[in-house]
Amino acid sequence: MPAEEATLKCVIAWSDRRNLCGLVEAALAARVESAEIMRLNDDSYLVHTSASVSNVRDWLIASLDTGESLLVFEFERWSGYGAGVDSNWLRSRGH
């Protein structure tokens, strides 16, 4: 069976009580090469992986406490502007 093609996912995790970025990054890095993970800000990451959005969500759930939230979505179209958008990183992952 051929391996699933990697796609770009966006991961957003938030909490009213604590910063989750380090926890999310560690959970992603345990399963995906660091070169395939890009931190966007304190709440969000891009990750290039063949895992499904539900699998990525499941990787991260253990890091969350009651009342904290997580959203993972997959997309194939994007548009950006400015130096804060790493277009080369995105293009090298098929976008």
Protein backbone atom coordinates (compact mmCIF):
# COMPACT_ATOMS: atom_id res chain seq x y z
CA MET A 1 0.00 0.00 0.00
CA PRO A 2 1.51 3.37 -1.00
CA ALA A 3 2.13 5.94 1.69
CA GLU A 4 -0.33 8.80 1.99
CA GLU A 5 0.85 12.07 0.47
CA ALA A 6 1.82 14.72 3.00
CA THR A 7 -0.39 17.80 3.11
CA LEU A 8 -0.27 21.05 4.99
CA LYS A 9 -2.24 21.32 8.23
CA CYS A 10 -2.79 24.25 10.52
CA VAL A 11 -2.87 23.60 14.27
CA ILE A 12 -4.35 26.17 16.63
CA ALA A 13 -4.42 25.54 20.39
CA TRP A 14 -5.50 27.99 23.06
CA SER A 15 -6.04 28.29 26.74
CA ASP A 16 -7.23 31.05 29.06
CA ARG A 17 -4.77 29.85 31.72
CA ARG A 18 -1.47 29.03 30.02
CA ASN A 19 0.59 29.29 26.86
CA LEU A 20 0.36 26.02 24.92
CA CYS A 21 2.96 26.66 22.21
CA GLY A 22 5.77 24.64 23.82
CA LEU A 23 3.48 21.71 24.55
CA VAL A 24 2.08 21.68 21.02
CA GLU A 25 5.52 21.94 19.46
CA ALA A 26 6.88 19.06 21.57
CA ALA A 27 3.93 16.84 20.70
CA LEU A 28 4.31 17.58 16.98
CA ALA A 29 8.10 17.13 17.05
CA ALA A 30 7.66 13.69 18.62
CA ARG A 31 6.00 12.53 15.37
CA VAL A 32 7.10 14.90 12.60
CA GLU A 33 10.56 16.08 11.56
CA SER A 34 11.26 19.58 12.86
CA ALA A 35 11.84 20.86 9.30
CA GLU A 36 8.16 20.05 8.60
CA ILE A 37 6.85 22.22 11.47
CA MET A 38 6.57 26.00 11.39
CA ARG A 39 5.45 28.09 14.33
CA LEU A 40 3.20 30.94 13.27
CA ASN A 41 2.61 32.61 16.64
CA ASP A 42 1.87 31.71 20.27
CA ASP A 43 -1.27 29.79 19.32
CA SER A 44 -0.62 28.22 15.94
CA TYR A 45 1.63 26.02 13.84
CA LEU A 46 1.80 24.72 10.31
CA VAL A 47 2.76 21.08 9.95
CA HIS A 48 3.44 19.13 6.76
CA THR A 49 2.52 15.49 7.33
CA SER A 50 0.66 12.55 5.81
CA ALA A 51 -1.22 12.05 9.09
CA SER A 52 -4.92 12.89 9.00
CA VAL A 53 -6.26 15.95 10.80
CA SER A 54 -7.91 13.66 13.36
CA ASN A 55 -4.60 11.87 13.99
CA VAL A 56 -2.81 15.19 14.49
CA ARG A 57 -5.58 16.25 16.87
CA ASP A 58 -5.21 12.99 18.80
CA TRP A 59 -1.44 13.51 19.13
CA LEU A 60 -2.11 16.81 20.91
CA ILE A 61 -5.10 16.03 23.11
CA ALA A 62 -2.95 14.53 25.88
CA SER A 63 -1.20 17.91 26.26
CA LEU A 64 -4.45 19.75 26.98
CA ASP A 65 -6.23 20.29 30.26
CA THR A 66 -9.97 20.64 30.80
CA GLY A 67 -11.24 23.85 29.23
CA GLU A 68 -8.43 24.16 26.67
CA SER A 69 -9.14 23.93 22.96
CA LEU A 70 -7.58 22.70 19.76
CA LEU A 71 -8.40 23.04 16.07
CA VAL A 72 -6.61 21.21 13.25
CA PHE A 73 -7.48 21.82 9.64
CA GLU A 74 -6.05 20.93 6.28
CA PHE A 75 -5.87 23.26 3.33
CA GLU A 76 -4.46 23.34 -0.16
CA ARG A 77 -4.83 27.00 -1.05
CA TRP A 78 -3.21 29.96 0.59
CA SER A 79 -2.34 33.54 -0.06
CA GLY A 80 0.06 35.66 1.90
CA TYR A 81 1.88 38.94 1.93
CA GLY A 82 4.92 40.35 3.69
CA ALA A 83 8.18 39.23 5.19
CA GLY A 84 6.36 37.40 8.01
CA VAL A 85 5.09 34.78 5.55
CA ASP A 86 7.74 32.21 4.67
CA SER A 87 6.64 31.62 1.08
CA ASN A 88 9.69 29.47 0.30
CA TRP A 89 8.81 27.04 3.13
CA LEU A 90 5.23 26.83 1.88
CA ARG A 91 6.18 26.40 -1.78
CA SER A 92 8.61 23.59 -0.98
CA ARG A 93 5.69 21.67 0.52
CA GLY A 94 3.60 21.80 -2.64
CA HIS A 95 1.81 25.10 -2.17
